[in-house]
Amino acid sequence: MKQSSTIFLKLALFLMGAPILALAIYGIFYLAGNSVDPNYASNLYPALIIMYISVIPYCTALYQAFRLLMLIDNNEGFSNVSVEALIKIKYCGLIISGLYVVMLPFVYLVAEKDDAPGLIIIGMIPIFASLVIAVFAAVLKRLLNEAIDIKSENDYTV
């Protein structure tokens, strides 16, 4: 397989990870220090902590996706290492979803104080996005396991 087809995906992974890391380093500290209303601080800080913790599984999932692309470049896409990377991506997606489910009550309290019901729907976006990624990784893992089994059967018959 040509490496040019995976270069675009590697670039996309970098473009997905760089803003999150920049936000984690600079943006969250700025937001925590410059809250608009001090009444929100009791609800804002737990949400910021959860957002900060969610950066770890997010970056781990991006690294595993990069590792998977490197395996595809080396023609080792149908291996157990690829299956392990997909398992880790699935668990990272589930962890992120769980963290944002825990954060949802704090979003509700802020939405209640600010009278903004749309904020709750916006708070659900990371939950469903990470669940979709986790389910997709689980499906790919199952398909990859079946492909590895078929490949090993073909290797034994030849």
C-alpha atoms as a PDB file:
ATOM      1  CA  MET A   1       0.000   0.000   0.000  1.00  0.00           C
ATOM      2  CA  LYS A   2       1.274   3.456  -0.802  1.00  0.00           C
ATOM      3  CA  GLN A   3       2.319   5.630   2.092  1.00  0.00           C
ATOM      4  CA  SER A   4       0.672   8.645   0.479  1.00  0.00           C
ATOM      5  CA  SER A   5      -2.755   7.278   1.346  1.00  0.00           C
ATOM      6  CA  THR A   6      -1.929   7.196   5.048  1.00  0.00           C
ATOM      7  CA  ILE A   7      -0.076  10.512   5.109  1.00  0.00           C
ATOM      8  CA  PHE A   8      -3.407  12.326   4.871  1.00  0.00           C
ATOM      9  CA  LEU A   9      -4.752  10.336   7.812  1.00  0.00           C
ATOM     10  CA  LYS A  10      -1.604  10.990   9.862  1.00  0.00           C
ATOM     11  CA  LEU A  11      -1.950  14.696   9.129  1.00  0.00           C
ATOM     12  CA  ALA A  12      -5.598  14.548  10.193  1.00  0.00           C
ATOM     13  CA  LEU A  13      -4.567  12.893  13.474  1.00  0.00           C
ATOM     14  CA  PHE A  14      -2.058  15.666  14.077  1.00  0.00           C
ATOM     15  CA  LEU A  15      -4.652  18.324  13.308  1.00  0.00           C
ATOM     16  CA  MET A  16      -7.051  16.648  15.740  1.00  0.00           C
ATOM     17  CA  GLY A  17      -4.482  16.389  18.521  1.00  0.00           C
ATOM     18  CA  ALA A  18      -2.644  19.707  18.348  1.00  0.00           C
ATOM     19  CA  PRO A  19      -5.598  21.989  19.222  1.00  0.00           C
ATOM     20  CA  ILE A  20      -6.630  19.746  22.104  1.00  0.00           C
ATOM     21  CA  LEU A  21      -3.137  19.762  23.567  1.00  0.00           C
ATOM     22  CA  ALA A  22      -2.903  23.537  23.119  1.00  0.00           C
ATOM     23  CA  LEU A  23      -6.271  23.960  24.803  1.00  0.00           C
ATOM     24  CA  ALA A  24      -5.210  21.660  27.624  1.00  0.00           C
ATOM     25  CA  ILE A  25      -2.009  23.599  28.196  1.00  0.00           C
ATOM     26  CA  TYR A  26      -3.244  27.176  27.818  1.00  0.00           C
ATOM     27  CA  GLY A  27      -6.991  27.409  27.402  1.00  0.00           C
ATOM     28  CA  ILE A  28      -8.235  25.568  30.450  1.00  0.00           C
ATOM     29  CA  PHE A  29      -5.944  27.510  32.781  1.00  0.00           C
ATOM     30  CA  TYR A  30      -7.185  30.752  31.250  1.00  0.00           C
ATOM     31  CA  LEU A  31     -10.801  29.685  31.602  1.00  0.00           C
ATOM     32  CA  ALA A  32     -10.314  28.604  35.202  1.00  0.00           C
ATOM     33  CA  GLY A  33      -8.656  31.883  36.157  1.00  0.00           C
ATOM     34  CA  ASN A  34     -11.045  34.167  34.304  1.00  0.00           C
ATOM     35  CA  SER A  35     -14.493  32.796  34.975  1.00  0.00           C
ATOM     36  CA  VAL A  36     -17.261  35.178  34.012  1.00  0.00           C
ATOM     37  CA  ASP A  37     -19.290  34.759  37.176  1.00  0.00           C
ATOM     38  CA  PRO A  38     -17.862  33.559  40.515  1.00  0.00           C
ATOM     39  CA  ASN A  39     -21.170  31.787  41.193  1.00  0.00           C
ATOM     40  CA  TYR A  40     -20.269  29.298  38.448  1.00  0.00           C
ATOM     41  CA  ALA A  41     -16.926  28.359  39.998  1.00  0.00           C
ATOM     42  CA  SER A  42     -18.350  25.501  42.061  1.00  0.00           C
ATOM     43  CA  ASN A  43     -19.748  23.952  38.883  1.00  0.00           C
ATOM     44  CA  LEU A  44     -16.964  25.036  36.559  1.00  0.00           C
ATOM     45  CA  TYR A  45     -13.993  23.494  38.358  1.00  0.00           C
ATOM     46  CA  PRO A  46     -15.251  19.882  38.419  1.00  0.00           C
ATOM     47  CA  ALA A  47     -16.103  20.175  34.724  1.00  0.00           C
ATOM     48  CA  LEU A  48     -12.635  21.555  33.983  1.00  0.00           C
ATOM     49  CA  ILE A  49     -11.003  18.731  35.911  1.00  0.00           C
ATOM     50  CA  ILE A  50     -13.000  16.163  33.956  1.00  0.00           C
ATOM     51  CA  MET A  51     -12.102  17.889  30.697  1.00  0.00           C
ATOM     52  CA  TYR A  52      -8.463  17.852  31.707  1.00  0.00           C
ATOM     53  CA  ILE A  53      -8.575  14.145  32.593  1.00  0.00           C
ATOM     54  CA  SER A  54     -10.267  13.336  29.276  1.00  0.00           C
ATOM     55  CA  VAL A  55      -7.241  14.650  27.382  1.00  0.00           C
ATOM     56  CA  ILE A  56      -5.241  11.579  28.466  1.00  0.00           C
ATOM     57  CA  PRO A  57      -7.453   8.912  26.830  1.00  0.00           C
ATOM     58  CA  TYR A  58      -7.987  11.194  23.823  1.00  0.00           C
ATOM     59  CA  CYS A  59      -4.252  11.482  23.165  1.00  0.00           C
ATOM     60  CA  THR A  60      -3.834   7.765  23.836  1.00  0.00           C
ATOM     61  CA  ALA A  61      -6.468   6.956  21.221  1.00  0.00           C
ATOM     62  CA  LEU A  62      -4.791   9.274  18.711  1.00  0.00           C
ATOM     63  CA  TYR A  63      -1.440   7.602  19.375  1.00  0.00           C
ATOM     64  CA  GLN A  64      -2.968   4.146  18.891  1.00  0.00           C
ATOM     65  CA  ALA A  65      -4.549   5.301  15.616  1.00  0.00           C
ATOM     66  CA  PHE A  66      -1.156   6.623  14.500  1.00  0.00           C
ATOM     67  CA  ARG A  67       0.414   3.295  15.452  1.00  0.00           C
ATOM     68  CA  LEU A  68      -2.256   1.502  13.443  1.00  0.00           C
ATOM     69  CA  LEU A  69      -1.456   3.643  10.403  1.00  0.00           C
ATOM     70  CA  MET A  70       2.240   2.854  10.815  1.00  0.00           C
ATOM     71  CA  LEU A  71       1.409  -0.859  10.870  1.00  0.00           C
ATOM     72  CA  ILE A  72      -0.620  -0.438   7.694  1.00  0.00           C
ATOM     73  CA  ASP A  73       2.345   1.337   6.068  1.00  0.00           C
ATOM     74  CA  ASN A  74       4.590  -1.592   7.013  1.00  0.00           C
ATOM     75  CA  ASN A  75       2.093  -4.119   5.578  1.00  0.00           C
ATOM     76  CA  GLU A  76       1.399  -5.477   9.064  1.00  0.00           C
ATOM     77  CA  GLY A  77      -2.215  -4.321   9.223  1.00  0.00           C
ATOM     78  CA  PHE A  78      -3.539  -7.857   9.674  1.00  0.00           C
ATOM     79  CA  SER A  79      -1.757  -8.664  12.912  1.00  0.00           C
ATOM     80  CA  ASN A  80      -2.545  -9.029  16.578  1.00  0.00           C
ATOM     81  CA  VAL A  81      -0.831  -5.698  17.268  1.00  0.00           C
ATOM     82  CA  SER A  82      -3.508  -4.006  15.167  1.00  0.00           C
ATOM     83  CA  VAL A  83      -6.203  -5.785  17.153  1.00  0.00           C
ATOM     84  CA  GLU A  84      -4.622  -4.579  20.404  1.00  0.00           C
ATOM     85  CA  ALA A  85      -4.535  -1.004  19.093  1.00  0.00           C
ATOM     86  CA  LEU A  86      -8.235  -1.189  18.215  1.00  0.00           C
ATOM     87  CA  ILE A  87      -9.034  -2.568  21.669  1.00  0.00           C
ATOM     88  CA  LYS A  88      -7.199   0.354  23.262  1.00  0.00           C
ATOM     89  CA  ILE A  89      -9.034   2.835  21.028  1.00  0.00           C
ATOM     90  CA  LYS A  90     -12.344   1.245  22.048  1.00  0.00           C
ATOM     91  CA  TYR A  91     -11.535   1.547  25.748  1.00  0.00           C
ATOM     92  CA  CYS A  92     -10.355   5.132  25.336  1.00  0.00           C
ATOM     93  CA  GLY A  93     -13.652   5.998  23.651  1.00  0.00           C
ATOM     94  CA  LEU A  94     -15.600   4.376  26.470  1.00  0.00           C
ATOM     95  CA  ILE A  95     -13.529   6.188  29.116  1.00  0.00           C
ATOM     96  CA  ILE A  96     -14.075   9.549  27.435  1.00  0.00           C
ATOM     97  CA  SER A  97     -17.790   8.869  27.174  1.00  0.00           C
ATOM     98  CA  GLY A  98     -17.952   7.880  30.834  1.00  0.00           C
ATOM     99  CA  LEU A  99     -16.079  10.991  31.926  1.00  0.00           C
ATOM    100  CA  TYR A 100     -18.452  13.257  30.044  1.00  0.00           C
ATOM    101  CA  VAL A 101     -21.461  11.411  31.464  1.00  0.00           C
ATOM    102  CA  VAL A 102     -20.063  12.215  34.912  1.00  0.00           C
ATOM    103  CA  MET A 103     -19.638  15.846  33.808  1.00  0.00           C
ATOM    104  CA  LEU A 104     -23.213  16.187  32.528  1.00  0.00           C
ATOM    105  CA  PRO A 105     -24.771  17.064  35.921  1.00  0.00           C
ATOM    106  CA  PHE A 106     -22.347  19.973  36.257  1.00  0.00           C
ATOM    107  CA  VAL A 107     -23.313  21.128  32.760  1.00  0.00           C
ATOM    108  CA  TYR A 108     -26.952  20.879  33.819  1.00  0.00           C
ATOM    109  CA  LEU A 109     -26.318  23.083  36.864  1.00  0.00           C
ATOM    110  CA  VAL A 110     -24.595  25.722  34.745  1.00  0.00           C
ATOM    111  CA  ALA A 111     -27.417  25.543  32.173  1.00  0.00           C
ATOM    112  CA  GLU A 112     -29.974  25.904  34.974  1.00  0.00           C
ATOM    113  CA  LYS A 113     -28.264  28.994  36.402  1.00  0.00           C
ATOM    114  CA  ASP A 114     -27.768  30.535  32.982  1.00  0.00           C
ATOM    115  CA  ASP A 115     -31.186  29.441  31.630  1.00  0.00           C
ATOM    116  CA  ALA A 116     -29.592  27.816  28.576  1.00  0.00           C
ATOM    117  CA  PRO A 117     -31.214  24.433  27.824  1.00  0.00           C
ATOM    118  CA  GLY A 118     -29.169  24.054  24.627  1.00  0.00           C
ATOM    119  CA  LEU A 119     -26.056  23.694  26.724  1.00  0.00           C
ATOM    120  CA  ILE A 120     -27.178  20.245  27.831  1.00  0.00           C
ATOM    121  CA  ILE A 121     -27.476  19.079  24.219  1.00  0.00           C
ATOM    122  CA  ILE A 122     -24.026  20.475  23.475  1.00  0.00           C
ATOM    123  CA  GLY A 123     -22.740  18.600  26.534  1.00  0.00           C
ATOM    124  CA  MET A 124     -24.052  15.347  25.065  1.00  0.00           C
ATOM    125  CA  ILE A 125     -22.076  15.675  21.817  1.00  0.00           C
ATOM    126  CA  PRO A 126     -18.760  14.320  23.227  1.00  0.00           C
ATOM    127  CA  ILE A 127     -20.625  11.446  24.867  1.00  0.00           C
ATOM    128  CA  PHE A 128     -22.209  10.240  21.645  1.00  0.00           C
ATOM    129  CA  ALA A 129     -19.148  10.994  19.485  1.00  0.00           C
ATOM    130  CA  SER A 130     -16.854   8.927  21.687  1.00  0.00           C
ATOM    131  CA  LEU A 131     -19.441   6.130  21.900  1.00  0.00           C
ATOM    132  CA  VAL A 132     -19.632   6.014  18.102  1.00  0.00           C
ATOM    133  CA  ILE A 133     -15.833   5.770  17.921  1.00  0.00           C
ATOM    134  CA  ALA A 134     -15.792   3.005  20.549  1.00  0.00           C
ATOM    135  CA  VAL A 135     -18.457   0.988  18.728  1.00  0.00           C
ATOM    136  CA  PHE A 136     -16.708   1.500  15.390  1.00  0.00           C
ATOM    137  CA  ALA A 137     -13.404   0.315  16.875  1.00  0.00           C
ATOM    138  CA  ALA A 138     -15.155  -2.764  18.326  1.00  0.00           C
ATOM    139  CA  VAL A 139     -16.676  -3.616  14.942  1.00  0.00           C
ATOM    140  CA  LEU A 140     -13.323  -3.150  13.205  1.00  0.00           C
ATOM    141  CA  LYS A 141     -11.664  -5.335  15.833  1.00  0.00           C
ATOM    142  CA  ARG A 142     -14.148  -8.125  15.192  1.00  0.00           C
ATOM    143  CA  LEU A 143     -13.702  -7.831  11.416  1.00  0.00           C
ATOM    144  CA  LEU A 144      -9.927  -7.777  11.781  1.00  0.00           C
ATOM    145  CA  ASN A 145     -10.019 -10.888  13.983  1.00  0.00           C
ATOM    146  CA  GLU A 146     -12.057 -12.691  11.328  1.00  0.00           C
ATOM    147  CA  ALA A 147      -9.649 -11.566   8.596  1.00  0.00           C
ATOM    148  CA  ILE A 148      -6.679 -12.774  10.640  1.00  0.00           C
ATOM    149  CA  ASP A 149      -8.389 -16.140  11.153  1.00  0.00           C
ATOM    150  CA  ILE A 150      -9.067 -16.477   7.414  1.00  0.00           C
ATOM    151  CA  LYS A 151      -5.475 -15.487   6.638  1.00  0.00           C
ATOM    152  CA  SER A 152      -4.087 -18.056   9.066  1.00  0.00           C
ATOM    153  CA  GLU A 153      -6.336 -20.773   7.585  1.00  0.00           C
ATOM    154  CA  ASN A 154      -5.083 -19.887   4.113  1.00  0.00           C
ATOM    155  CA  ASP A 155      -1.483 -20.000   5.316  1.00  0.00           C
ATOM    156  CA  TYR A 156      -2.032 -23.511   6.696  1.00  0.00           C
ATOM    157  CA  THR A 157      -3.613 -24.830   3.493  1.00  0.00           C
ATOM    158  CA  VAL A 158      -0.791 -23.619   1.272  1.00  0.00           C
END
